[in-house]
Amino acid sequence: ALVEGGTVVAMTSQCLDGRVCDRVYDTGRDLLDAGVVEAGDTLPGTAKVKLMWALANHSDPAEAMGRDLAGELTEESQPWR
């Protein structure tokens, strides 16, 4: 309902090392199908700031979250690219 209403929802992990494997289980695939944006191994606080930056700069949030801007996203975390 949030995504359908235009709210950007991003999925990330609270783990200090590793990333969300959102394509492995049905739940992750369902979230992607619903329009949730992948954030890879970006930490939650960093993902929040990055989304605020993307929205303020009229950037596509999904594209911005998949692009490393300042070392917040590791190369290994970008399998969807």
PDB file of N, CA and C in Angstrom:
ATOM      1  N   ALA A   1       0.815  -1.190   0.000  1.00  0.00           N
ATOM      2  CA  ALA A   1       0.000   0.000   0.000  1.00  0.00           C
ATOM      3  C   ALA A   1       0.861   1.258   0.000  1.00  0.00           C
ATOM      4  N   LEU A   2       1.971   1.236   0.740  1.00  0.00           N
ATOM      5  CA  LEU A   2       2.851   2.406   0.761  1.00  0.00           C
ATOM      6  C   LEU A   2       3.431   2.692  -0.612  1.00  0.00           C
ATOM      7  N   VAL A   3       3.981   1.655  -1.242  1.00  0.00           N
ATOM      8  CA  VAL A   3       4.613   1.835  -2.553  1.00  0.00           C
ATOM      9  C   VAL A   3       3.582   2.283  -3.581  1.00  0.00           C
ATOM     10  N   GLU A   4       2.401   1.689  -3.530  1.00  0.00           N
ATOM     11  CA  GLU A   4       1.338   2.072  -4.465  1.00  0.00           C
ATOM     12  C   GLU A   4       0.946   3.537  -4.296  1.00  0.00           C
ATOM     13  N   GLY A   5       1.097   4.054  -3.077  1.00  0.00           N
ATOM     14  CA  GLY A   5       0.772   5.446  -2.799  1.00  0.00           C
ATOM     15  C   GLY A   5       1.901   6.408  -3.103  1.00  0.00           C
ATOM     16  N   GLY A   6       3.025   5.882  -3.603  1.00  0.00           N
ATOM     17  CA  GLY A   6       4.136   6.745  -3.986  1.00  0.00           C
ATOM     18  C   GLY A   6       5.256   6.848  -2.964  1.00  0.00           C
ATOM     19  N   THR A   7       5.139   6.135  -1.845  1.00  0.00           N
ATOM     20  CA  THR A   7       6.194   6.146  -0.835  1.00  0.00           C
ATOM     21  C   THR A   7       7.315   5.205  -1.257  1.00  0.00           C
ATOM     22  N   VAL A   8       8.550   5.677  -1.150  1.00  0.00           N
ATOM     23  CA  VAL A   8       9.701   4.839  -1.480  1.00  0.00           C
ATOM     24  C   VAL A   8      10.042   3.995  -0.256  1.00  0.00           C
ATOM     25  N   VAL A   9      10.117   2.682  -0.442  1.00  0.00           N
ATOM     26  CA  VAL A   9      10.472   1.751   0.623  1.00  0.00           C
ATOM     27  C   VAL A   9      11.742   1.034   0.190  1.00  0.00           C
ATOM     28  N   ALA A  10      12.763   1.064   1.052  1.00  0.00           N
ATOM     29  CA  ALA A  10      14.031   0.402   0.738  1.00  0.00           C
ATOM     30  C   ALA A  10      14.274  -0.733   1.722  1.00  0.00           C
ATOM     31  N   MET A  11      14.910  -1.800   1.236  1.00  0.00           N
ATOM     32  CA  MET A  11      15.233  -2.948   2.064  1.00  0.00           C
ATOM     33  C   MET A  11      16.745  -3.016   2.246  1.00  0.00           C
ATOM     34  N   THR A  12      17.169  -3.016   3.508  1.00  0.00           N
ATOM     35  CA  THR A  12      18.584  -3.115   3.833  1.00  0.00           C
ATOM     36  C   THR A  12      18.736  -4.044   5.030  1.00  0.00           C
ATOM     37  N   SER A  13      19.940  -4.159   5.549  1.00  0.00           N
ATOM     38  CA  SER A  13      20.211  -5.058   6.665  1.00  0.00           C
ATOM     39  C   SER A  13      20.791  -4.277   7.834  1.00  0.00           C
ATOM     40  N   GLN A  14      20.547  -4.762   9.043  1.00  0.00           N
ATOM     41  CA  GLN A  14      21.162  -4.160  10.218  1.00  0.00           C
ATOM     42  C   GLN A  14      22.492  -4.821  10.544  1.00  0.00           C
ATOM     43  N   CYS A  15      22.867  -5.838   9.806  1.00  0.00           N
ATOM     44  CA  CYS A  15      24.139  -6.519  10.033  1.00  0.00           C
ATOM     45  C   CYS A  15      25.292  -5.609   9.629  1.00  0.00           C
ATOM     46  N   LEU A  16      26.375  -5.648  10.384  1.00  0.00           N
ATOM     47  CA  LEU A  16      27.526  -4.806  10.071  1.00  0.00           C
ATOM     48  C   LEU A  16      28.318  -5.339   8.890  1.00  0.00           C
ATOM     49  N   ASP A  17      28.139  -6.613   8.575  1.00  0.00           N
ATOM     50  CA  ASP A  17      28.858  -7.212   7.461  1.00  0.00           C
ATOM     51  C   ASP A  17      27.879  -8.085   6.683  1.00  0.00           C
ATOM     52  N   GLY A  18      27.871  -7.936   5.394  1.00  0.00           N
ATOM     53  CA  GLY A  18      26.975  -8.730   4.563  1.00  0.00           C
ATOM     54  C   GLY A  18      25.850  -7.889   4.015  1.00  0.00           C
ATOM     55  N   ARG A  19      25.005  -8.516   3.210  1.00  0.00           N
ATOM     56  CA  ARG A  19      23.931  -7.781   2.556  1.00  0.00           C
ATOM     57  C   ARG A  19      22.638  -8.586   2.614  1.00  0.00           C
ATOM     58  N   VAL A  20      21.567  -7.955   2.253  1.00  0.00           N
ATOM     59  CA  VAL A  20      20.275  -8.618   2.161  1.00  0.00           C
ATOM     60  C   VAL A  20      20.250  -9.430   0.867  1.00  0.00           C
ATOM     61  N   CYS A  21      19.934 -10.710   0.966  1.00  0.00           N
ATOM     62  CA  CYS A  21      19.813 -11.565  -0.219  1.00  0.00           C
ATOM     63  C   CYS A  21      18.327 -11.675  -0.551  1.00  0.00           C
ATOM     64  N   ASP A  22      17.789 -10.607  -1.096  1.00  0.00           N
ATOM     65  CA  ASP A  22      16.347 -10.512  -1.275  1.00  0.00           C
ATOM     66  C   ASP A  22      15.790 -11.328  -2.428  1.00  0.00           C
ATOM     67  N   ARG A  23      16.633 -11.958  -3.196  1.00  0.00           N
ATOM     68  CA  ARG A  23      16.143 -12.786  -4.304  1.00  0.00           C
ATOM     69  C   ARG A  23      16.155 -14.275  -3.963  1.00  0.00           C
ATOM     70  N   VAL A  24      16.619 -14.619  -2.760  1.00  0.00           N
ATOM     71  CA  VAL A  24      16.761 -16.018  -2.369  1.00  0.00           C
ATOM     72  C   VAL A  24      15.431 -16.630  -1.926  1.00  0.00           C
ATOM     73  N   TYR A  25      14.681 -15.911  -1.115  1.00  0.00           N
ATOM     74  CA  TYR A  25      13.440 -16.443  -0.555  1.00  0.00           C
ATOM     75  C   TYR A  25      12.228 -15.744  -1.154  1.00  0.00           C
ATOM     76  N   ASP A  26      11.089 -16.431  -1.079  1.00  0.00           N
ATOM     77  CA  ASP A  26       9.843 -15.883  -1.629  1.00  0.00           C
ATOM     78  C   ASP A  26       9.505 -14.508  -1.063  1.00  0.00           C
ATOM     79  N   THR A  27       9.718 -14.317   0.230  1.00  0.00           N
ATOM     80  CA  THR A  27       9.372 -13.039   0.856  1.00  0.00           C
ATOM     81  C   THR A  27      10.138 -11.890   0.219  1.00  0.00           C
ATOM     82  N   GLY A  28      11.433 -12.070   0.003  1.00  0.00           N
ATOM     83  CA  GLY A  28      12.237 -11.030  -0.636  1.00  0.00           C
ATOM     84  C   GLY A  28      11.782 -10.762  -2.057  1.00  0.00           C
ATOM     85  N   ARG A  29      11.488 -11.825  -2.788  1.00  0.00           N
ATOM     86  CA  ARG A  29      11.011 -11.650  -4.168  1.00  0.00           C
ATOM     87  C   ARG A  29       9.647 -10.963  -4.191  1.00  0.00           C
ATOM     88  N   ASP A  30       8.798 -11.292  -3.216  1.00  0.00           N
ATOM     89  CA  ASP A  30       7.491 -10.626  -3.126  1.00  0.00           C
ATOM     90  C   ASP A  30       7.663  -9.133  -2.862  1.00  0.00           C
ATOM     91  N   LEU A  31       8.602  -8.784  -1.994  1.00  0.00           N
ATOM     92  CA  LEU A  31       8.854  -7.366  -1.711  1.00  0.00           C
ATOM     93  C   LEU A  31       9.363  -6.643  -2.954  1.00  0.00           C
ATOM     94  N   LEU A  32      10.253  -7.281  -3.695  1.00  0.00           N
ATOM     95  CA  LEU A  32      10.754  -6.669  -4.931  1.00  0.00           C
ATOM     96  C   LEU A  32       9.624  -6.494  -5.936  1.00  0.00           C
ATOM     97  N   ASP A  33       8.771  -7.508  -6.047  1.00  0.00           N
ATOM     98  CA  ASP A  33       7.622  -7.420  -6.956  1.00  0.00           C
ATOM     99  C   ASP A  33       6.672  -6.291  -6.551  1.00  0.00           C
ATOM    100  N   ALA A  34       6.632  -5.989  -5.254  1.00  0.00           N
ATOM    101  CA  ALA A  34       5.759  -4.922  -4.753  1.00  0.00           C
ATOM    102  C   ALA A  34       6.369  -3.538  -4.952  1.00  0.00           C
ATOM    103  N   GLY A  35       7.637  -3.498  -5.398  1.00  0.00           N
ATOM    104  CA  GLY A  35       8.262  -2.206  -5.666  1.00  0.00           C
ATOM    105  C   GLY A  35       9.262  -1.736  -4.632  1.00  0.00           C
ATOM    106  N   VAL A  36       9.612  -2.608  -3.674  1.00  0.00           N
ATOM    107  CA  VAL A  36      10.610  -2.233  -2.674  1.00  0.00           C
ATOM    108  C   VAL A  36      11.972  -2.100  -3.357  1.00  0.00           C
ATOM    109  N   VAL A  37      12.720  -1.083  -2.967  1.00  0.00           N
ATOM    110  CA  VAL A  37      14.021  -0.773  -3.558  1.00  0.00           C
ATOM    111  C   VAL A  37      15.112  -1.537  -2.818  1.00  0.00           C
ATOM    112  N   GLU A  38      16.024  -2.165  -3.549  1.00  0.00           N
ATOM    113  CA  GLU A  38      17.152  -2.871  -2.950  1.00  0.00           C
ATOM    114  C   GLU A  38      18.208  -1.877  -2.486  1.00  0.00           C
ATOM    115  N   ALA A  39      18.748  -2.110  -1.280  1.00  0.00           N
ATOM    116  CA  ALA A  39      19.793  -1.236  -0.761  1.00  0.00           C
ATOM    117  C   ALA A  39      21.101  -1.981  -0.529  1.00  0.00           C
ATOM    118  N   GLY A  40      21.156  -3.264  -0.905  1.00  0.00           N
ATOM    119  CA  GLY A  40      22.398  -4.019  -0.783  1.00  0.00           C
ATOM    120  C   GLY A  40      22.908  -4.068   0.642  1.00  0.00           C
ATOM    121  N   ASP A  41      24.197  -3.750   0.832  1.00  0.00           N
ATOM    122  CA  ASP A  41      24.776  -3.785   2.173  1.00  0.00           C
ATOM    123  C   ASP A  41      24.897  -2.393   2.789  1.00  0.00           C
ATOM    124  N   THR A  42      24.147  -1.444   2.265  1.00  0.00           N
ATOM    125  CA  THR A  42      24.123  -0.109   2.848  1.00  0.00           C
ATOM    126  C   THR A  42      23.451  -0.181   4.217  1.00  0.00           C
ATOM    127  N   LEU A  43      24.072   0.399   5.236  1.00  0.00           N
ATOM    128  CA  LEU A  43      23.494   0.400   6.576  1.00  0.00           C
ATOM    129  C   LEU A  43      22.218   1.238   6.603  1.00  0.00           C
ATOM    130  N   PRO A  44      21.276   0.913   7.497  1.00  0.00           N
ATOM    131  CA  PRO A  44      19.985   1.600   7.513  1.00  0.00           C
ATOM    132  C   PRO A  44      20.069   3.124   7.587  1.00  0.00           C
ATOM    133  N   GLY A  45      20.898   3.657   8.463  1.00  0.00           N
ATOM    134  CA  GLY A  45      21.018   5.113   8.571  1.00  0.00           C
ATOM    135  C   GLY A  45      21.558   5.741   7.306  1.00  0.00           C
ATOM    136  N   THR A  46      22.521   5.077   6.700  1.00  0.00           N
ATOM    137  CA  THR A  46      23.101   5.561   5.450  1.00  0.00           C
ATOM    138  C   THR A  46      22.076   5.483   4.327  1.00  0.00           C
ATOM    139  N   ALA A  47      21.303   4.402   4.305  1.00  0.00           N
ATOM    140  CA  ALA A  47      20.262   4.256   3.280  1.00  0.00           C
ATOM    141  C   ALA A  47      19.221   5.368   3.408  1.00  0.00           C
ATOM    142  N   LYS A  48      18.877   5.727   4.630  1.00  0.00           N
ATOM    143  CA  LYS A  48      17.904   6.802   4.853  1.00  0.00           C
ATOM    144  C   LYS A  48      18.416   8.117   4.276  1.00  0.00           C
ATOM    145  N   VAL A  49      19.663   8.457   4.585  1.00  0.00           N
ATOM    146  CA  VAL A  49      20.246   9.705   4.077  1.00  0.00           C
ATOM    147  C   VAL A  49      20.358   9.662   2.559  1.00  0.00           C
ATOM    148  N   LYS A  50      20.742   8.512   2.015  1.00  0.00           N
ATOM    149  CA  LYS A  50      20.888   8.379   0.563  1.00  0.00           C
ATOM    150  C   LYS A  50      19.535   8.546  -0.137  1.00  0.00           C
ATOM    151  N   LEU A  51      18.488   7.969   0.434  1.00  0.00           N
ATOM    152  CA  LEU A  51      17.152   8.138  -0.139  1.00  0.00           C
ATOM    153  C   LEU A  51      16.694   9.590  -0.057  1.00  0.00           C
ATOM    154  N   MET A  52      16.990  10.250   1.067  1.00  0.00           N
ATOM    155  CA  MET A  52      16.624  11.669   1.187  1.00  0.00           C
ATOM    156  C   MET A  52      17.347  12.485   0.121  1.00  0.00           C
ATOM    157  N   TRP A  53      18.628  12.173  -0.104  1.00  0.00           N
ATOM    158  CA  TRP A  53      19.407  12.875  -1.133  1.00  0.00           C
ATOM    159  C   TRP A  53      18.794  12.626  -2.513  1.00  0.00           C
ATOM    160  N   ALA A  54      18.475  11.364  -2.805  1.00  0.00           N
ATOM    161  CA  ALA A  54      17.918  11.021  -4.121  1.00  0.00           C
ATOM    162  C   ALA A  54      16.596  11.745  -4.361  1.00  0.00           C
ATOM    163  N   LEU A  55      15.737  11.764  -3.359  1.00  0.00           N
ATOM    164  CA  LEU A  55      14.442  12.425  -3.515  1.00  0.00           C
ATOM    165  C   LEU A  55      14.595  13.939  -3.643  1.00  0.00           C
ATOM    166  N   ALA A  56      15.505  14.529  -2.871  1.00  0.00           N
ATOM    167  CA  ALA A  56      15.717  15.980  -2.930  1.00  0.00           C
ATOM    168  C   ALA A  56      16.317  16.410  -4.259  1.00  0.00           C
ATOM    169  N   ASN A  57      17.080  15.511  -4.884  1.00  0.00           N
ATOM    170  CA  ASN A  57      17.737  15.832  -6.150  1.00  0.00           C
ATOM    171  C   ASN A  57      16.984  15.273  -7.352  1.00  0.00           C
ATOM    172  N   HIS A  58      15.751  14.845  -7.130  1.00  0.00           N
ATOM    173  CA  HIS A  58      14.888  14.322  -8.200  1.00  0.00           C
ATOM    174  C   HIS A  58      15.553  13.172  -8.963  1.00  0.00           C
ATOM    175  N   SER A  59      16.329  12.360  -8.230  1.00  0.00           N
ATOM    176  CA  SER A  59      16.959  11.176  -8.812  1.00  0.00           C
ATOM    177  C   SER A  59      16.038   9.976  -8.623  1.00  0.00           C
ATOM    178  N   ASP A  60      16.197   8.972  -9.464  1.00  0.00           N
ATOM    179  CA  ASP A  60      15.446   7.731  -9.318  1.00  0.00           C
ATOM    180  C   ASP A  60      15.989   6.998  -8.091  1.00  0.00           C
ATOM    181  N   PRO A  61      15.187   6.788  -7.047  1.00  0.00           N
ATOM    182  CA  PRO A  61      15.683   6.142  -5.835  1.00  0.00           C
ATOM    183  C   PRO A  61      16.286   4.760  -6.080  1.00  0.00           C
ATOM    184  N   ALA A  62      15.671   3.952  -6.932  1.00  0.00           N
ATOM    185  CA  ALA A  62      16.201   2.614  -7.200  1.00  0.00           C
ATOM    186  C   ALA A  62      17.569   2.695  -7.860  1.00  0.00           C
ATOM    187  N   GLU A  63      17.736   3.611  -8.790  1.00  0.00           N
ATOM    188  CA  GLU A  63      19.028   3.782  -9.464  1.00  0.00           C
ATOM    189  C   GLU A  63      20.063   4.305  -8.477  1.00  0.00           C
ATOM    190  N   ALA A  64      19.682   5.259  -7.648  1.00  0.00           N
ATOM    191  CA  ALA A  64      20.616   5.840  -6.677  1.00  0.00           C
ATOM    192  C   ALA A  64      21.067   4.803  -5.654  1.00  0.00           C
ATOM    193  N   MET A  65      20.153   3.953  -5.187  1.00  0.00           N
ATOM    194  CA  MET A  65      20.517   2.948  -4.189  1.00  0.00           C
ATOM    195  C   MET A  65      21.444   1.887  -4.772  1.00  0.00           C
ATOM    196  N   GLY A  66      21.400   1.664  -6.064  1.00  0.00           N
ATOM    197  CA  GLY A  66      22.264   0.680  -6.708  1.00  0.00           C
ATOM    198  C   GLY A  66      23.605   1.233  -7.144  1.00  0.00           C
ATOM    199  N   ARG A  67      23.830   2.509  -6.881  1.00  0.00           N
ATOM    200  CA  ARG A  67      25.076   3.166  -7.303  1.00  0.00           C
ATOM    201  C   ARG A  67      25.858   3.587  -6.065  1.00  0.00           C
ATOM    202  N   ASP A  68      27.139   3.237  -6.034  1.00  0.00           N
ATOM    203  CA  ASP A  68      28.000   3.643  -4.926  1.00  0.00           C
ATOM    204  C   ASP A  68      28.361   5.115  -5.102  1.00  0.00           C
ATOM    205  N   LEU A  69      27.997   5.937  -4.130  1.00  0.00           N
ATOM    206  CA  LEU A  69      28.276   7.370  -4.212  1.00  0.00           C
ATOM    207  C   LEU A  69      29.494   7.773  -3.396  1.00  0.00           C
ATOM    208  N   ALA A  70      29.683   7.142  -2.236  1.00  0.00           N
ATOM    209  CA  ALA A  70      30.765   7.566  -1.341  1.00  0.00           C
ATOM    210  C   ALA A  70      31.326   6.403  -0.525  1.00  0.00           C
ATOM    211  N   GLY A  71      31.390   5.218  -1.127  1.00  0.00           N
ATOM    212  CA  GLY A  71      31.939   4.063  -0.428  1.00  0.00           C
ATOM    213  C   GLY A  71      30.953   3.346   0.480  1.00  0.00           C
ATOM    214  N   GLU A  72      29.669   3.677   0.363  1.00  0.00           N
ATOM    215  CA  GLU A  72      28.663   3.070   1.233  1.00  0.00           C
ATOM    216  C   GLU A  72      28.149   1.741   0.705  1.00  0.00           C
ATOM    217  N   LEU A  73      28.479   1.398  -0.521  1.00  0.00           N
ATOM    218  CA  LEU A  73      27.975   0.186  -1.159  1.00  0.00           C
ATOM    219  C   LEU A  73      29.154  -0.569  -1.760  1.00  0.00           C
ATOM    220  N   THR A  74      29.355  -1.809  -1.319  1.00  0.00           N
ATOM    221  CA  THR A  74      30.489  -2.571  -1.833  1.00  0.00           C
ATOM    222  C   THR A  74      30.176  -3.162  -3.204  1.00  0.00           C
ATOM    223  N   GLU A  75      31.204  -3.471  -3.941  1.00  0.00           N
ATOM    224  CA  GLU A  75      31.051  -4.065  -5.274  1.00  0.00           C
ATOM    225  C   GLU A  75      30.317  -5.399  -5.185  1.00  0.00           C
ATOM    226  N   GLU A  76      30.611  -6.190  -4.137  1.00  0.00           N
ATOM    227  CA  GLU A  76      29.976  -7.497  -3.970  1.00  0.00           C
ATOM    228  C   GLU A  76      28.480  -7.365  -3.721  1.00  0.00           C
ATOM    229  N   SER A  77      28.058  -6.201  -3.290  1.00  0.00           N
ATOM    230  CA  SER A  77      26.661  -5.987  -2.935  1.00  0.00           C
ATOM    231  C   SER A  77      25.808  -5.548  -4.111  1.00  0.00           C
ATOM    232  N   GLN A  78      26.352  -5.540  -5.302  1.00  0.00           N
ATOM    233  CA  GLN A  78      25.631  -5.021  -6.450  1.00  0.00           C
ATOM    234  C   GLN A  78      25.324  -6.093  -7.497  1.00  0.00           C
ATOM    235  N   PRO A  79      24.769  -7.254  -7.089  1.00  0.00           N
ATOM    236  CA  PRO A  79      24.514  -8.320  -8.062  1.00  0.00           C
ATOM    237  C   PRO A  79      23.391  -8.002  -9.029  1.00  0.00           C
ATOM    238  N   TRP A  80      22.534  -7.088  -8.663  1.00  0.00           N
ATOM    239  CA  TRP A  80      21.381  -6.765  -9.511  1.00  0.00           C
ATOM    240  C   TRP A  80      21.752  -5.820 -10.627  1.00  0.00           C
ATOM    241  N   ARG A  81      22.959  -5.305 -10.658  1.00  0.00           N
ATOM    242  CA  ARG A  81      23.381  -4.340 -11.676  1.00  0.00           C
ATOM    243  C   ARG A  81      23.752  -5.042 -12.944  1.00  0.00           C
TER     244      ARG A  81
END
